[in-house]
N, C-alpha and C. Protein backbone atom coordinates (compact mmCIF):
# COMPACT_ATOMS: atom_id res chain seq x y z
N UNK A 1 115.89 154.86 153.61
CA UNK A 1 114.67 154.42 152.99
C UNK A 1 114.71 152.89 152.88
N UNK A 2 113.67 152.23 153.35
CA UNK A 2 113.65 150.77 153.32
C UNK A 2 113.32 150.29 151.90
N UNK A 3 113.54 149.01 151.69
CA UNK A 3 113.28 148.40 150.38
C UNK A 3 111.80 148.48 150.03
N UNK A 4 110.93 148.30 151.02
CA UNK A 4 109.48 148.38 150.79
C UNK A 4 109.06 149.78 150.35
N UNK A 5 109.58 150.81 151.02
CA UNK A 5 109.24 152.18 150.64
C UNK A 5 109.75 152.51 149.25
N UNK A 6 110.94 151.99 148.93
CA UNK A 6 111.50 152.23 147.60
C UNK A 6 110.59 151.60 146.53
N UNK A 7 110.13 150.39 146.79
CA UNK A 7 109.27 149.70 145.82
C UNK A 7 107.93 150.44 145.66
N UNK A 8 107.37 150.92 146.77
CA UNK A 8 106.11 151.66 146.69
C UNK A 8 106.27 152.94 145.88
N UNK A 9 107.41 153.62 146.01
CA UNK A 9 107.64 154.82 145.22
C UNK A 9 107.94 154.48 143.77
N UNK A 10 108.59 153.35 143.57
CA UNK A 10 108.95 152.94 142.21
C UNK A 10 107.71 152.63 141.37
N UNK A 11 106.77 151.90 141.94
CA UNK A 11 105.57 151.52 141.20
C UNK A 11 104.38 151.54 142.15
N UNK A 12 103.53 152.51 141.97
CA UNK A 12 102.34 152.66 142.81
C UNK A 12 101.16 151.98 142.12
N UNK A 13 100.69 150.86 142.68
CA UNK A 13 99.62 150.08 142.06
C UNK A 13 98.32 150.88 141.98
N UNK A 14 98.01 151.65 142.99
CA UNK A 14 96.78 152.44 142.97
C UNK A 14 96.82 153.47 141.84
N UNK A 15 97.95 154.10 141.67
CA UNK A 15 98.10 155.10 140.62
C UNK A 15 97.96 154.44 139.24
N UNK A 16 98.56 153.27 139.06
CA UNK A 16 98.49 152.59 137.77
C UNK A 16 97.08 152.11 137.47
N UNK A 17 96.37 151.63 138.46
CA UNK A 17 95.00 151.14 138.25
C UNK A 17 94.04 152.27 137.96
N UNK A 18 94.33 153.46 138.46
CA UNK A 18 93.44 154.60 138.28
C UNK A 18 93.67 155.33 136.96
N UNK A 19 94.57 154.86 136.14
CA UNK A 19 94.87 155.54 134.89
C UNK A 19 93.63 155.58 134.00
N UNK A 20 93.40 156.73 133.34
CA UNK A 20 92.23 156.88 132.47
C UNK A 20 92.40 156.08 131.19
N UNK A 21 93.57 156.12 130.61
CA UNK A 21 93.81 155.43 129.35
C UNK A 21 94.79 154.29 129.59
N UNK A 22 94.40 153.10 129.19
CA UNK A 22 95.30 151.94 129.31
C UNK A 22 95.65 151.48 127.91
N UNK A 23 96.95 151.47 127.64
CA UNK A 23 97.43 151.11 126.31
C UNK A 23 97.34 149.60 126.12
N UNK A 24 96.83 149.12 124.97
CA UNK A 24 96.77 147.68 124.74
C UNK A 24 98.18 147.11 124.54
N UNK A 25 98.28 145.82 124.72
CA UNK A 25 99.58 145.17 124.57
C UNK A 25 100.01 145.18 123.10
N UNK A 26 101.26 144.87 122.86
CA UNK A 26 101.78 144.86 121.49
C UNK A 26 101.06 143.82 120.65
N UNK A 27 100.77 142.66 121.24
CA UNK A 27 100.06 141.61 120.49
C UNK A 27 98.65 142.07 120.14
N UNK A 28 97.97 142.73 121.08
CA UNK A 28 96.62 143.22 120.81
C UNK A 28 96.65 144.26 119.69
N UNK A 29 97.63 145.14 119.68
CA UNK A 29 97.74 146.13 118.61
C UNK A 29 98.03 145.46 117.27
N UNK A 30 98.89 144.45 117.26
CA UNK A 30 99.24 143.74 116.03
C UNK A 30 98.00 143.04 115.46
N UNK A 31 97.25 142.32 116.33
CA UNK A 31 96.07 141.62 115.85
C UNK A 31 94.99 142.58 115.37
N UNK A 32 94.82 143.71 116.06
CA UNK A 32 93.83 144.70 115.64
C UNK A 32 94.18 145.24 114.25
N UNK A 33 95.45 145.51 114.00
CA UNK A 33 95.87 146.01 112.69
C UNK A 33 95.66 144.94 111.61
N UNK A 34 95.98 143.70 111.93
CA UNK A 34 95.82 142.61 110.96
C UNK A 34 94.34 142.37 110.66
N UNK A 35 93.52 142.35 111.68
CA UNK A 35 92.10 142.05 111.50
C UNK A 35 91.33 143.21 110.88
N UNK A 36 91.91 144.41 110.90
CA UNK A 36 91.25 145.56 110.30
C UNK A 36 91.09 145.34 108.80
N UNK A 37 92.10 144.75 108.16
CA UNK A 37 92.07 144.51 106.72
C UNK A 37 91.62 143.10 106.37
N UNK A 38 91.83 142.15 107.25
CA UNK A 38 91.51 140.75 106.97
C UNK A 38 90.90 140.13 108.22
N UNK A 39 89.59 140.32 108.47
CA UNK A 39 88.99 139.81 109.70
C UNK A 39 88.96 138.28 109.71
N UNK A 40 89.14 137.66 110.88
CA UNK A 40 89.12 136.20 110.96
C UNK A 40 87.70 135.67 110.79
N UNK A 41 87.60 134.45 110.29
CA UNK A 41 86.30 133.82 110.12
C UNK A 41 85.82 133.24 111.45
N UNK A 42 84.55 132.88 111.51
CA UNK A 42 84.03 132.30 112.74
C UNK A 42 84.62 130.92 113.00
N UNK A 43 84.95 130.64 114.24
CA UNK A 43 85.53 129.36 114.64
C UNK A 43 84.69 128.80 115.79
N UNK A 44 84.24 127.55 115.68
CA UNK A 44 83.46 126.99 116.78
C UNK A 44 84.32 126.80 118.02
N UNK A 45 83.68 126.82 119.15
CA UNK A 45 84.39 126.68 120.42
C UNK A 45 84.99 125.29 120.52
N UNK A 46 86.29 125.21 120.76
CA UNK A 46 87.04 123.96 120.91
C UNK A 46 86.81 122.99 119.76
N UNK A 47 86.93 123.47 118.57
CA UNK A 47 86.74 122.61 117.41
C UNK A 47 87.92 121.66 117.26
N UNK A 48 87.64 120.44 116.81
CA UNK A 48 88.70 119.48 116.54
C UNK A 48 89.40 119.89 115.25
N UNK A 49 90.73 119.90 115.23
CA UNK A 49 91.44 120.30 114.02
C UNK A 49 91.21 119.32 112.87
N UNK A 50 91.22 118.03 113.16
CA UNK A 50 91.00 116.99 112.15
C UNK A 50 90.09 115.93 112.75
N UNK A 51 89.26 115.30 111.93
CA UNK A 51 88.45 114.21 112.48
C UNK A 51 89.36 113.06 112.90
N UNK A 52 89.01 112.45 114.01
CA UNK A 52 89.82 111.37 114.57
C UNK A 52 89.25 110.04 114.10
N UNK A 53 90.14 109.16 113.69
CA UNK A 53 89.72 107.83 113.25
C UNK A 53 89.15 107.06 114.44
N UNK A 54 88.17 106.21 114.21
CA UNK A 54 87.61 105.45 115.33
C UNK A 54 88.67 104.53 115.93
N UNK A 55 88.63 104.43 117.25
CA UNK A 55 89.62 103.60 117.95
C UNK A 55 89.24 102.13 117.83
N UNK A 56 90.28 101.29 117.85
CA UNK A 56 90.02 99.86 117.85
C UNK A 56 89.47 99.45 119.20
N UNK A 57 88.87 98.33 119.23
CA UNK A 57 88.28 97.82 120.46
C UNK A 57 89.37 97.62 121.50
N UNK A 58 89.04 97.89 122.75
CA UNK A 58 90.01 97.69 123.82
C UNK A 58 90.26 96.22 124.07
N UNK A 59 89.37 95.36 123.60
CA UNK A 59 89.56 93.92 123.78
C UNK A 59 90.77 93.43 123.01
N UNK A 60 91.03 94.02 121.86
CA UNK A 60 92.18 93.61 121.07
C UNK A 60 93.47 93.94 121.82
N UNK A 61 93.54 95.12 122.39
CA UNK A 61 94.72 95.51 123.16
C UNK A 61 94.89 94.61 124.37
N UNK A 62 93.80 94.31 125.04
CA UNK A 62 93.85 93.44 126.22
C UNK A 62 94.34 92.06 125.83
N UNK A 63 93.84 91.52 124.73
CA UNK A 63 94.26 90.18 124.28
C UNK A 63 95.75 90.17 123.93
N UNK A 64 96.24 91.21 123.30
CA UNK A 64 97.66 91.28 122.93
C UNK A 64 98.53 91.32 124.19
N UNK A 65 98.16 92.12 125.16
CA UNK A 65 98.94 92.23 126.40
C UNK A 65 98.93 90.90 127.15
N UNK A 66 97.76 90.29 127.30
CA UNK A 66 97.68 89.01 128.01
C UNK A 66 98.44 87.91 127.26
N UNK A 67 98.40 87.95 125.94
CA UNK A 67 99.17 86.98 125.15
C UNK A 67 100.66 87.14 125.36
N UNK A 68 101.14 88.38 125.42
CA UNK A 68 102.57 88.63 125.67
C UNK A 68 102.97 88.16 127.06
N UNK A 69 102.12 88.41 128.05
CA UNK A 69 102.41 87.97 129.42
C UNK A 69 102.46 86.46 129.48
N UNK A 70 101.51 85.79 128.84
CA UNK A 70 101.50 84.32 128.84
C UNK A 70 102.74 83.77 128.15
N UNK A 71 103.14 84.36 127.02
CA UNK A 71 104.34 83.91 126.31
C UNK A 71 105.58 84.12 127.16
N UNK A 72 105.65 85.21 127.89
CA UNK A 72 106.79 85.47 128.76
C UNK A 72 106.86 84.46 129.90
N UNK A 73 105.70 84.13 130.48
CA UNK A 73 105.66 83.14 131.56
C UNK A 73 106.12 81.78 131.04
N UNK A 74 105.64 81.39 129.87
CA UNK A 74 106.07 80.11 129.28
C UNK A 74 107.56 80.11 128.97
N UNK A 75 108.08 81.20 128.47
CA UNK A 75 109.50 81.30 128.15
C UNK A 75 110.36 81.19 129.41
N UNK A 76 109.95 81.88 130.47
CA UNK A 76 110.71 81.81 131.72
C UNK A 76 110.63 80.40 132.31
N UNK A 77 109.44 79.79 132.27
CA UNK A 77 109.30 78.41 132.76
C UNK A 77 110.15 77.44 131.97
N UNK A 78 110.20 77.59 130.66
CA UNK A 78 111.03 76.72 129.82
C UNK A 78 112.49 76.92 130.13
N UNK A 79 112.92 78.17 130.34
CA UNK A 79 114.32 78.45 130.64
C UNK A 79 114.71 77.85 131.98
N UNK A 80 113.82 77.87 132.95
CA UNK A 80 114.12 77.30 134.27
C UNK A 80 114.21 75.78 134.22
N UNK A 81 113.38 75.14 133.43
CA UNK A 81 113.44 73.66 133.32
C UNK A 81 114.70 73.23 132.59
N UNK A 82 115.19 74.01 131.66
CA UNK A 82 116.42 73.65 130.92
C UNK A 82 117.66 73.79 131.81
N UNK A 83 117.65 74.74 132.76
CA UNK A 83 118.83 74.97 133.58
C UNK A 83 118.83 74.12 134.84
N UNK A 84 117.69 73.52 135.23
CA UNK A 84 117.64 72.77 136.48
C UNK A 84 118.22 71.38 136.35
N UNK A 85 118.49 70.87 135.14
CA UNK A 85 119.05 69.51 135.00
C UNK A 85 120.51 69.51 135.22
């Protein structure tokens, strides 16, 4: 018996799909039991968990980055002039 034939006998997909009764998963059974006594409240679709604070302007971030780059260029230039003498 080949491996393929063994697998087909082990689990027949057509037979499993044709089953009259399909048992729900353990999680589905657990949630059904929990919600039977304490149903969940309505939740909006993709609701934000907490309100987000407004972001600062991107110009401030850009100015900080450009200022750091300029300071680094000046520092490297100063270091090169000190070592060239």
